[in-house]
Amino acid sequence: MSELAADGIPVTVSCRVLKLARQPSSPWRANPVSDSELTEAYRANALFDAHHGDPEFGHRFLADGAANAGQVMARRTAWRICSTNGWFSVFSKKNRGKSSRRGPPAHDDLVGRDCTANAPSELWLADITEHRTLEGKVYVWAIKDVFSNRIVGYSIDSQMKSRIAVNALSNAVARRGDVAECILHTDRGPNFAVASICAR
């Protein structure tokens, strides 16, 4: 409307041709986008960027990623925006349907619940923990050698992305040297799957 008015076309004529009522056009021109709509758009942009960077994460981790970008929101709000735009985890999307069972693991279970080792760098176990600090959440990904019961590699990051697993694994390999026959055992989280693939 404002562009047509700038070209000298009266608003009344524009509304008649476009078959629009004139009354709602005046408030819209004064405030075309509400504050809540603008906030929603910024949140959606932050969630989209987080999803684009880590498509394997669901709305909870995407909300954490958006908060790190300055767009803090409730997880329920993140779920609503993600659902509306169809931004789902690439893992859950494959398994969506009548069955709630988890999909196949990234690799075969070479441990079989027997967490024992007869030599160093024969079997490593890995897991991730979340810690709340005054500056926000931090995630620690640690790798333990079953034989010595020592931490052989770790990585700390403010975001739970796949790089934290890769960095911890690289750290462990750099400290231990020859680990060609070592088995890395983790659970079936998406970032662990990435580390498991790298370990092969």
Protein backbone atom coordinates (compact mmCIF):
# COMPACT_ATOMS: atom_id res chain seq x y z
CA MET A 1 0.00 0.00 0.00
CA SER A 2 2.72 2.46 0.94
CA GLU A 3 4.51 1.85 -2.38
CA LEU A 4 1.31 2.49 -4.33
CA ALA A 5 0.63 5.64 -2.32
CA ALA A 6 4.18 6.83 -3.01
CA ASP A 7 3.46 6.45 -6.74
CA GLY A 8 0.46 8.75 -6.37
CA ILE A 9 -2.28 6.12 -6.33
CA PRO A 10 -4.86 6.87 -3.61
CA VAL A 11 -5.28 4.29 -0.86
CA THR A 12 -9.04 4.16 -1.49
CA VAL A 13 -8.48 3.17 -5.13
CA SER A 14 -5.83 0.60 -4.19
CA CYS A 15 -8.13 -1.03 -1.62
CA ARG A 16 -10.99 -1.15 -4.11
CA VAL A 17 -8.88 -2.74 -6.85
CA LEU A 18 -7.27 -5.24 -4.47
CA LYS A 19 -10.65 -5.92 -2.83
CA LEU A 20 -9.36 -5.03 0.61
CA ALA A 21 -11.14 -3.18 3.40
CA ARG A 22 -9.56 0.17 4.14
CA GLN A 23 -10.11 0.13 7.91
CA PRO A 24 -7.56 -2.62 8.78
CA SER A 25 -4.90 -1.07 6.54
CA SER A 26 -4.33 1.98 8.74
CA PRO A 27 -3.29 0.10 11.93
CA TRP A 28 -1.20 -2.29 9.86
CA ARG A 29 0.69 0.58 8.28
CA ALA A 30 1.35 2.08 11.70
CA ASN A 31 2.66 -1.22 13.10
CA PRO A 32 2.97 -3.83 10.33
CA VAL A 33 4.81 -6.41 12.48
CA SER A 34 3.98 -6.88 16.14
CA ASP A 35 6.69 -7.23 18.77
CA SER A 36 5.69 -10.85 19.43
CA GLU A 37 5.90 -11.69 15.73
CA LEU A 38 9.35 -10.09 15.52
CA THR A 39 10.54 -12.04 18.58
CA GLU A 40 9.16 -15.24 17.05
CA ALA A 41 11.03 -14.54 13.81
CA TYR A 42 14.34 -14.01 15.65
CA ARG A 43 13.80 -17.22 17.61
CA ALA A 44 12.96 -19.14 14.44
CA ASN A 45 16.14 -17.84 12.76
CA ALA A 46 18.27 -18.95 15.73
CA LEU A 47 16.63 -22.40 15.79
CA PHE A 48 17.08 -22.76 12.04
CA ASP A 49 20.79 -21.91 12.31
CA ALA A 50 21.19 -24.43 15.14
CA HIS A 51 19.33 -27.10 13.18
CA HIS A 52 21.37 -26.41 10.05
CA GLY A 53 24.60 -26.80 12.04
CA ASP A 54 23.47 -30.01 13.80
CA PRO A 55 20.52 -31.66 12.01
CA GLU A 56 20.73 -34.70 14.29
CA PHE A 57 19.53 -32.74 17.35
CA GLY A 58 15.94 -32.35 18.51
CA HIS A 59 14.19 -29.27 19.84
CA ARG A 60 15.79 -29.47 23.33
CA PHE A 61 19.35 -29.17 22.09
CA LEU A 62 18.28 -26.69 19.41
CA ALA A 63 16.85 -24.49 22.18
CA ASP A 64 20.24 -24.63 23.91
CA GLY A 65 21.94 -23.66 20.65
CA ALA A 66 19.53 -20.76 20.16
CA ALA A 67 20.17 -19.61 23.75
CA ASN A 68 23.91 -19.55 23.03
CA ALA A 69 23.09 -17.30 20.07
CA GLY A 70 21.20 -14.90 22.36
CA GLN A 71 17.64 -16.16 21.78
CA VAL A 72 16.56 -17.68 25.09
CA MET A 73 13.20 -19.45 25.03
CA ALA A 74 11.28 -22.19 26.79
CA ARG A 75 11.70 -25.67 25.35
CA ARG A 76 7.96 -25.77 24.72
CA THR A 77 8.33 -22.67 22.54
CA ALA A 78 11.25 -24.27 20.69
CA TRP A 79 9.16 -27.42 20.14
CA ARG A 80 6.25 -25.38 18.74
CA ILE A 81 8.45 -23.42 16.32
CA CYS A 82 10.35 -26.53 15.20
CA SER A 83 7.14 -28.51 14.72
CA THR A 84 5.52 -25.71 12.73
CA ASN A 85 8.50 -25.51 10.39
CA GLY A 86 9.18 -29.24 10.21
CA TRP A 87 12.64 -29.08 11.82
CA PHE A 88 13.07 -32.55 13.31
CA SER A 89 16.11 -34.61 14.18
CA VAL A 90 17.29 -36.64 11.20
CA PHE A 91 17.44 -39.68 13.48
CA SER A 92 13.95 -39.41 14.93
CA LYS A 93 12.50 -38.64 11.52
CA LYS A 94 13.61 -42.02 10.19
CA ASN A 95 12.07 -43.83 13.14
CA ARG A 96 8.82 -41.86 13.30
CA GLY A 97 5.76 -44.09 13.01
CA LYS A 98 3.79 -46.62 15.00
CA SER A 99 6.85 -48.21 16.59
CA SER A 100 8.72 -46.28 19.27
CA ARG A 101 11.73 -48.61 19.19
CA ARG A 102 15.13 -47.11 18.51
CA GLY A 103 16.82 -47.64 15.20
CA PRO A 104 19.80 -49.89 14.56
CA PRO A 105 23.14 -48.96 16.19
CA ALA A 106 25.87 -47.32 14.16
CA HIS A 107 28.12 -50.38 14.64
CA ASP A 108 27.95 -53.88 16.08
CA ASP A 109 28.30 -54.27 19.84
CA LEU A 110 31.83 -55.67 20.15
CA VAL A 111 31.79 -55.63 23.96
CA GLY A 112 28.69 -57.66 24.74
CA ARG A 113 28.44 -56.24 28.30
CA ASP A 114 31.89 -57.65 29.12
CA CYS A 115 33.70 -54.49 30.18
CA THR A 116 37.09 -56.01 30.96
CA ALA A 117 40.48 -55.53 29.31
CA ASN A 118 43.79 -57.40 29.55
CA ALA A 119 46.03 -54.62 28.24
CA PRO A 120 46.10 -50.83 27.85
CA SER A 121 44.20 -49.33 24.90
CA GLU A 122 42.26 -52.54 24.38
CA LEU A 123 38.85 -51.19 25.40
CA TRP A 124 37.77 -47.60 25.94
CA LEU A 125 34.44 -46.45 27.36
CA ALA A 126 33.05 -42.99 26.63
CA ASP A 127 30.21 -40.88 27.96
CA ILE A 128 29.11 -37.26 28.18
CA THR A 129 27.97 -35.21 31.18
CA GLU A 130 26.24 -31.86 31.47
CA HIS A 131 27.31 -29.30 34.06
CA ARG A 132 25.61 -26.03 34.95
CA THR A 133 27.90 -23.07 35.64
CA LEU A 134 27.37 -19.39 36.33
CA GLU A 135 28.09 -18.73 32.65
CA GLY A 136 25.74 -21.43 31.35
CA LYS A 137 25.92 -25.13 30.55
CA VAL A 138 29.10 -26.95 29.64
CA TYR A 139 29.41 -30.49 28.32
CA VAL A 140 32.29 -32.83 29.12
CA TRP A 141 32.95 -35.84 26.90
CA ALA A 142 35.41 -38.25 28.52
CA ILE A 143 37.07 -41.48 27.38
CA LYS A 144 38.24 -44.02 29.99
CA ASP A 145 40.68 -46.87 29.47
CA VAL A 146 39.09 -49.94 31.09
CA PHE A 147 42.47 -51.56 31.86
CA SER A 148 43.98 -48.65 33.81
CA ASN A 149 40.65 -47.06 34.79
CA ARG A 150 42.10 -43.68 33.77
CA ILE A 151 40.72 -40.91 31.60
CA VAL A 152 42.77 -40.98 28.40
CA GLY A 153 40.99 -38.21 26.51
CA TYR A 154 38.36 -35.56 27.05
CA SER A 155 36.78 -32.51 25.50
CA ILE A 156 34.76 -29.61 26.95
CA ASP A 157 32.37 -27.43 24.99
CA SER A 158 29.44 -25.11 25.60
CA GLN A 159 27.37 -26.91 22.94
CA MET A 160 26.60 -30.59 22.59
CA LYS A 161 27.73 -30.97 19.01
CA SER A 162 29.41 -33.87 17.28
CA ARG A 163 32.74 -32.03 17.35
CA ILE A 164 33.01 -32.56 21.12
CA ALA A 165 33.14 -36.33 20.58
CA VAL A 166 35.63 -36.05 17.73
CA ASN A 167 37.88 -33.72 19.74
CA ALA A 168 37.90 -36.07 22.75
CA LEU A 169 38.74 -39.03 20.54
CA SER A 170 41.53 -37.10 18.82
CA ASN A 171 42.88 -36.12 22.24
CA ALA A 172 42.92 -39.74 23.40
CA VAL A 173 44.61 -41.01 20.24
CA ALA A 174 47.27 -38.29 20.44
CA ARG A 175 48.08 -39.23 24.06
CA ARG A 176 48.08 -43.00 23.59
CA GLY A 177 49.68 -43.35 20.14
CA ASP A 178 49.07 -46.75 18.54
CA VAL A 179 45.39 -47.64 19.13
CA ALA A 180 44.72 -49.61 15.95
CA GLU A 181 43.09 -52.56 17.79
CA CYS A 182 41.31 -50.47 20.43
CA ILE A 183 37.52 -50.74 20.79
CA LEU A 184 35.61 -47.56 21.69
CA HIS A 185 32.30 -48.39 23.36
CA THR A 186 29.58 -45.74 23.84
CA ASP A 187 25.82 -45.57 24.04
CA ARG A 188 23.73 -44.84 20.96
CA GLY A 189 23.54 -41.04 21.08
CA PRO A 190 24.06 -39.18 17.77
CA ASN A 191 27.36 -37.56 18.77
CA PHE A 192 28.64 -40.94 19.99
CA ALA A 193 27.74 -42.47 16.64
CA VAL A 194 29.96 -39.86 14.98
CA ALA A 195 32.87 -40.74 17.28
CA SER A 196 32.31 -44.43 16.72
CA ILE A 197 32.49 -43.90 12.96
CA CYS A 198 35.71 -41.90 13.36
CA ALA A 199 37.19 -44.64 15.54
CA ARG A 200 36.85 -47.07 12.67
